[in-house]
Amino acid sequence: MKSFRYYFSILLVFLALTVTSCEVIGDIFKAGMWTAFIGIILIVFFVLWLVRKMRGPRM
C-alpha cells in the first residue's frame, strides 16, 4: 500500500506540472507567434545553461 501512495503522489505531481505548462504554452501562443518563438528560444537557452552549470567545467 505504501508503494501505491508513492507512485500516486508522483503521478499527481507530474499531472499538475504538465497541465500548468500546457496552459502557459497556450497563453503564449495566444499572445502571438513571435512572442511564442522568443519565449521558447529563451526557455531552451535557459535549460542548456542549467545543464552546463550542473556538469561543471570541461577540460
PDB file of N, CA and C in Angstrom:
ATOM      1  N   MET A   1       0.823  -1.193   0.000  1.00  0.00           N
ATOM      2  CA  MET A   1       0.000   0.000   0.000  1.00  0.00           C
ATOM      3  C   MET A   1       0.868   1.259   0.000  1.00  0.00           C
ATOM      4  N   LYS A   2       1.989   1.193   0.704  1.00  0.00           N
ATOM      5  CA  LYS A   2       2.871   2.349   0.760  1.00  0.00           C
ATOM      6  C   LYS A   2       3.435   2.662  -0.632  1.00  0.00           C
ATOM      7  N   SER A   3       3.754   1.622  -1.395  1.00  0.00           N
ATOM      8  CA  SER A   3       4.275   1.802  -2.745  1.00  0.00           C
ATOM      9  C   SER A   3       3.237   2.494  -3.633  1.00  0.00           C
ATOM     10  N   PHE A   4       1.976   2.127  -3.483  1.00  0.00           N
ATOM     11  CA  PHE A   4       0.906   2.743  -4.264  1.00  0.00           C
ATOM     12  C   PHE A   4       0.810   4.229  -3.966  1.00  0.00           C
ATOM     13  N   ARG A   5       0.898   4.603  -2.707  1.00  0.00           N
ATOM     14  CA  ARG A   5       0.836   6.029  -2.342  1.00  0.00           C
ATOM     15  C   ARG A   5       1.995   6.796  -2.949  1.00  0.00           C
ATOM     16  N   TYR A   6       3.176   6.200  -2.939  1.00  0.00           N
ATOM     17  CA  TYR A   6       4.354   6.846  -3.504  1.00  0.00           C
ATOM     18  C   TYR A   6       4.157   7.109  -4.999  1.00  0.00           C
ATOM     19  N   TYR A   7       3.747   6.100  -5.753  1.00  0.00           N
ATOM     20  CA  TYR A   7       3.546   6.272  -7.193  1.00  0.00           C
ATOM     21  C   TYR A   7       2.365   7.196  -7.496  1.00  0.00           C
ATOM     22  N   PHE A   8       1.353   7.137  -6.689  1.00  0.00           N
ATOM     23  CA  PHE A   8       0.197   8.009  -6.883  1.00  0.00           C
ATOM     24  C   PHE A   8       0.590   9.464  -6.671  1.00  0.00           C
ATOM     25  N   SER A   9       1.418   9.720  -5.650  1.00  0.00           N
ATOM     26  CA  SER A   9       1.887  11.082  -5.390  1.00  0.00           C
ATOM     27  C   SER A   9       2.718  11.602  -6.556  1.00  0.00           C
ATOM     28  N   ILE A  10       3.603  10.757  -7.071  1.00  0.00           N
ATOM     29  CA  ILE A  10       4.420  11.156  -8.209  1.00  0.00           C
ATOM     30  C   ILE A  10       3.539  11.441  -9.426  1.00  0.00           C
ATOM     31  N   LEU A  11       2.541  10.613  -9.649  1.00  0.00           N
ATOM     32  CA  LEU A  11       1.624  10.820 -10.771  1.00  0.00           C
ATOM     33  C   LEU A  11       0.873  12.141 -10.638  1.00  0.00           C
ATOM     34  N   LEU A  12       0.403  12.456  -9.445  1.00  0.00           N
ATOM     35  CA  LEU A  12      -0.325  13.713  -9.237  1.00  0.00           C
ATOM     36  C   LEU A  12       0.571  14.928  -9.478  1.00  0.00           C
ATOM     37  N   VAL A  13       1.789  14.869  -8.979  1.00  0.00           N
ATOM     38  CA  VAL A  13       2.719  15.976  -9.194  1.00  0.00           C
ATOM     39  C   VAL A  13       3.019  16.132 -10.678  1.00  0.00           C
ATOM     40  N   PHE A  14       3.251  15.009 -11.357  1.00  0.00           N
ATOM     41  CA  PHE A  14       3.517  15.052 -12.796  1.00  0.00           C
ATOM     42  C   PHE A  14       2.346  15.659 -13.559  1.00  0.00           C
ATOM     43  N   LEU A  15       1.138  15.245 -13.251  1.00  0.00           N
ATOM     44  CA  LEU A  15      -0.033  15.786 -13.938  1.00  0.00           C
ATOM     45  C   LEU A  15      -0.226  17.270 -13.650  1.00  0.00           C
ATOM     46  N   ALA A  16       0.017  17.658 -12.403  1.00  0.00           N
ATOM     47  CA  ALA A  16      -0.133  19.070 -12.051  1.00  0.00           C
ATOM     48  C   ALA A  16       0.865  19.933 -12.821  1.00  0.00           C
ATOM     49  N   LEU A  17       2.074  19.456 -12.954  1.00  0.00           N
ATOM     50  CA  LEU A  17       3.091  20.230 -13.663  1.00  0.00           C
ATOM     51  C   LEU A  17       2.831  20.276 -15.160  1.00  0.00           C
ATOM     52  N   THR A  18       2.382  19.185 -15.736  1.00  0.00           N
ATOM     53  CA  THR A  18       2.159  19.177 -17.176  1.00  0.00           C
ATOM     54  C   THR A  18       0.934  19.991 -17.560  1.00  0.00           C
ATOM     55  N   VAL A  19      -0.106  19.950 -16.766  1.00  0.00           N
ATOM     56  CA  VAL A  19      -1.301  20.746 -17.069  1.00  0.00           C
ATOM     57  C   VAL A  19      -0.967  22.219 -16.991  1.00  0.00           C
ATOM     58  N   THR A  20      -0.217  22.617 -15.992  1.00  0.00           N
ATOM     59  CA  THR A  20       0.147  24.016 -15.842  1.00  0.00           C
ATOM     60  C   THR A  20       0.993  24.469 -17.018  1.00  0.00           C
ATOM     61  N   SER A  21       1.942  23.651 -17.434  1.00  0.00           N
ATOM     62  CA  SER A  21       2.801  24.044 -18.549  1.00  0.00           C
ATOM     63  C   SER A  21       2.002  24.140 -19.846  1.00  0.00           C
ATOM     64  N   CYS A  22       1.020  23.285 -20.022  1.00  0.00           N
ATOM     65  CA  CYS A  22       0.186  23.357 -21.222  1.00  0.00           C
ATOM     66  C   CYS A  22      -0.600  24.664 -21.251  1.00  0.00           C
ATOM     67  N   GLU A  23      -1.080  25.085 -20.110  1.00  0.00           N
ATOM     68  CA  GLU A  23      -1.815  26.345 -20.053  1.00  0.00           C
ATOM     69  C   GLU A  23      -0.899  27.519 -20.372  1.00  0.00           C
ATOM     70  N   VAL A  24       0.324  27.469 -19.866  1.00  0.00           N
ATOM     71  CA  VAL A  24       1.276  28.549 -20.136  1.00  0.00           C
ATOM     72  C   VAL A  24       1.604  28.610 -21.619  1.00  0.00           C
ATOM     73  N   ILE A  25       1.867  27.464 -22.225  1.00  0.00           N
ATOM     74  CA  ILE A  25       2.176  27.436 -23.656  1.00  0.00           C
ATOM     75  C   ILE A  25       0.981  27.937 -24.464  1.00  0.00           C
ATOM     76  N   GLY A  26      -0.219  27.558 -24.068  1.00  0.00           N
ATOM     77  CA  GLY A  26      -1.415  28.037 -24.761  1.00  0.00           C
ATOM     78  C   GLY A  26      -1.563  29.541 -24.677  1.00  0.00           C
ATOM     79  N   ASP A  27      -1.288  30.108 -23.505  1.00  0.00           N
ATOM     80  CA  ASP A  27      -1.363  31.561 -23.342  1.00  0.00           C
ATOM     81  C   ASP A  27      -0.295  32.273 -24.158  1.00  0.00           C
ATOM     82  N   ILE A  28       0.900  31.688 -24.222  1.00  0.00           N
ATOM     83  CA  ILE A  28       1.964  32.293 -25.026  1.00  0.00           C
ATOM     84  C   ILE A  28       1.571  32.318 -26.494  1.00  0.00           C
ATOM     85  N   PHE A  29       1.005  31.218 -26.992  1.00  0.00           N
ATOM     86  CA  PHE A  29       0.612  31.189 -28.396  1.00  0.00           C
ATOM     87  C   PHE A  29      -0.557  32.127 -28.672  1.00  0.00           C
ATOM     88  N   LYS A  30      -1.409  32.348 -27.693  1.00  0.00           N
ATOM     89  CA  LYS A  30      -2.486  33.323 -27.875  1.00  0.00           C
ATOM     90  C   LYS A  30      -1.916  34.733 -28.003  1.00  0.00           C
ATOM     91  N   ALA A  31      -0.794  35.002 -27.325  1.00  0.00           N
ATOM     92  CA  ALA A  31      -0.182  36.326 -27.381  1.00  0.00           C
ATOM     93  C   ALA A  31       0.408  36.618 -28.753  1.00  0.00           C
ATOM     94  N   GLY A  32       0.763  35.590 -29.483  1.00  0.00           N
ATOM     95  CA  GLY A  32       1.275  35.806 -30.831  1.00  0.00           C
ATOM     96  C   GLY A  32       2.418  34.876 -31.156  1.00  0.00           C
ATOM     97  N   MET A  33       2.651  34.704 -32.461  1.00  0.00           N
ATOM     98  CA  MET A  33       3.672  33.777 -32.913  1.00  0.00           C
ATOM     99  C   MET A  33       5.062  34.214 -32.483  1.00  0.00           C
ATOM    100  N   TRP A  34       5.392  35.489 -32.629  1.00  0.00           N
ATOM    101  CA  TRP A  34       6.738  35.946 -32.283  1.00  0.00           C
ATOM    102  C   TRP A  34       6.992  35.875 -30.787  1.00  0.00           C
ATOM    103  N   THR A  35       5.994  36.159 -30.006  1.00  0.00           N
ATOM    104  CA  THR A  35       6.135  36.046 -28.557  1.00  0.00           C
ATOM    105  C   THR A  35       6.398  34.598 -28.174  1.00  0.00           C
ATOM    106  N   ALA A  36       5.680  33.683 -28.786  1.00  0.00           N
ATOM    107  CA  ALA A  36       5.878  32.257 -28.514  1.00  0.00           C
ATOM    108  C   ALA A  36       7.273  31.816 -28.960  1.00  0.00           C
ATOM    109  N   PHE A  37       7.703  32.255 -30.118  1.00  0.00           N
ATOM    110  CA  PHE A  37       9.015  31.889 -30.640  1.00  0.00           C
ATOM    111  C   PHE A  37      10.122  32.374 -29.708  1.00  0.00           C
ATOM    112  N   ILE A  38      10.060  33.619 -29.299  1.00  0.00           N
ATOM    113  CA  ILE A  38      11.071  34.179 -28.397  1.00  0.00           C
ATOM    114  C   ILE A  38      11.028  33.483 -27.044  1.00  0.00           C
ATOM    115  N   GLY A  39       9.833  33.224 -26.522  1.00  0.00           N
ATOM    116  CA  GLY A  39       9.703  32.541 -25.236  1.00  0.00           C
ATOM    117  C   GLY A  39      10.284  31.138 -25.262  1.00  0.00           C
ATOM    118  N   ILE A  40      10.020  30.396 -26.319  1.00  0.00           N
ATOM    119  CA  ILE A  40      10.537  29.037 -26.427  1.00  0.00           C
ATOM    120  C   ILE A  40      12.057  29.050 -26.560  1.00  0.00           C
ATOM    121  N   ILE A  41      12.592  29.964 -27.358  1.00  0.00           N
ATOM    122  CA  ILE A  41      14.048  30.072 -27.501  1.00  0.00           C
ATOM    123  C   ILE A  41      14.695  30.408 -26.168  1.00  0.00           C
ATOM    124  N   LEU A  42      14.115  31.329 -25.413  1.00  0.00           N
ATOM    125  CA  LEU A  42      14.666  31.686 -24.104  1.00  0.00           C
ATOM    126  C   LEU A  42      14.644  30.503 -23.138  1.00  0.00           C
ATOM    127  N   ILE A  43      13.574  29.746 -23.151  1.00  0.00           N
ATOM    128  CA  ILE A  43      13.477  28.582 -22.266  1.00  0.00           C
ATOM    129  C   ILE A  43      14.521  27.533 -22.648  1.00  0.00           C
ATOM    130  N   VAL A  44      14.717  27.293 -23.947  1.00  0.00           N
ATOM    131  CA  VAL A  44      15.707  26.315 -24.387  1.00  0.00           C
ATOM    132  C   VAL A  44      17.104  26.750 -23.970  1.00  0.00           C
ATOM    133  N   PHE A  45      17.438  28.032 -24.169  1.00  0.00           N
ATOM    134  CA  PHE A  45      18.756  28.515 -23.754  1.00  0.00           C
ATOM    135  C   PHE A  45      18.938  28.427 -22.245  1.00  0.00           C
ATOM    136  N   PHE A  46      17.895  28.705 -21.480  1.00  0.00           N
ATOM    137  CA  PHE A  46      17.980  28.611 -20.027  1.00  0.00           C
ATOM    138  C   PHE A  46      18.228  27.172 -19.579  1.00  0.00           C
ATOM    139  N   VAL A  47      17.546  26.235 -20.191  1.00  0.00           N
ATOM    140  CA  VAL A  47      17.737  24.824 -19.846  1.00  0.00           C
ATOM    141  C   VAL A  47      19.152  24.375 -20.222  1.00  0.00           C
ATOM    142  N   LEU A  48      19.642  24.778 -21.390  1.00  0.00           N
ATOM    143  CA  LEU A  48      21.000  24.426 -21.787  1.00  0.00           C
ATOM    144  C   LEU A  48      22.023  25.026 -20.827  1.00  0.00           C
ATOM    145  N   TRP A  49      21.806  26.255 -20.400  1.00  0.00           N
ATOM    146  CA  TRP A  49      22.697  26.906 -19.451  1.00  0.00           C
ATOM    147  C   TRP A  49      22.710  26.148 -18.120  1.00  0.00           C
ATOM    148  N   LEU A  50      21.532  25.733 -17.644  1.00  0.00           N
ATOM    149  CA  LEU A  50      21.464  24.968 -16.398  1.00  0.00           C
ATOM    150  C   LEU A  50      22.198  23.640 -16.515  1.00  0.00           C
ATOM    151  N   VAL A  51      22.061  22.961 -17.649  1.00  0.00           N
ATOM    152  CA  VAL A  51      22.744  21.681 -17.846  1.00  0.00           C
ATOM    153  C   VAL A  51      24.248  21.885 -17.826  1.00  0.00           C
ATOM    154  N   ARG A  52      24.722  22.927 -18.475  1.00  0.00           N
ATOM    155  CA  ARG A  52      26.170  23.204 -18.461  1.00  0.00           C
ATOM    156  C   ARG A  52      26.662  23.528 -17.063  1.00  0.00           C
ATOM    157  N   LYS A  53      25.891  24.271 -16.287  1.00  0.00           N
ATOM    158  CA  LYS A  53      26.290  24.601 -14.922  1.00  0.00           C
ATOM    159  C   LYS A  53      26.347  23.347 -14.049  1.00  0.00           C
ATOM    160  N   MET A  54      25.425  22.437 -14.239  1.00  0.00           N
ATOM    161  CA  MET A  54      25.386  21.241 -13.422  1.00  0.00           C
ATOM    162  C   MET A  54      26.520  20.273 -13.783  1.00  0.00           C
ATOM    163  N   ARG A  55      26.955  20.268 -15.032  1.00  0.00           N
ATOM    164  CA  ARG A  55      28.022  19.363 -15.449  1.00  0.00           C
ATOM    165  C   ARG A  55      29.387  19.828 -14.984  1.00  0.00           C
ATOM    166  N   GLY A  56      29.530  21.107 -14.712  1.00  0.00           N
ATOM    167  CA  GLY A  56      30.806  21.632 -14.239  1.00  0.00           C
ATOM    168  C   GLY A  56      31.715  22.016 -15.398  1.00  0.00           C
ATOM    169  N   PRO A  57      32.908  22.493 -15.055  1.00  0.00           N
ATOM    170  CA  PRO A  57      33.843  22.924 -16.107  1.00  0.00           C
ATOM    171  C   PRO A  57      34.385  21.743 -16.918  1.00  0.00           C
ATOM    172  N   ARG A  58      34.573  21.974 -18.168  1.00  0.00           N
ATOM    173  CA  ARG A  58      35.108  20.939 -19.060  1.00  0.00           C
ATOM    174  C   ARG A  58      36.608  21.113 -19.193  1.00  0.00           C
ATOM    175  N   MET A  59      37.293  20.011 -19.375  1.00  0.00           N
ATOM    176  CA  MET A  59      38.745  20.075 -19.558  1.00  0.00           C
ATOM    177  C   MET A  59      39.126  19.861 -20.977  1.00  0.00           C
TER     178      MET A  59
END
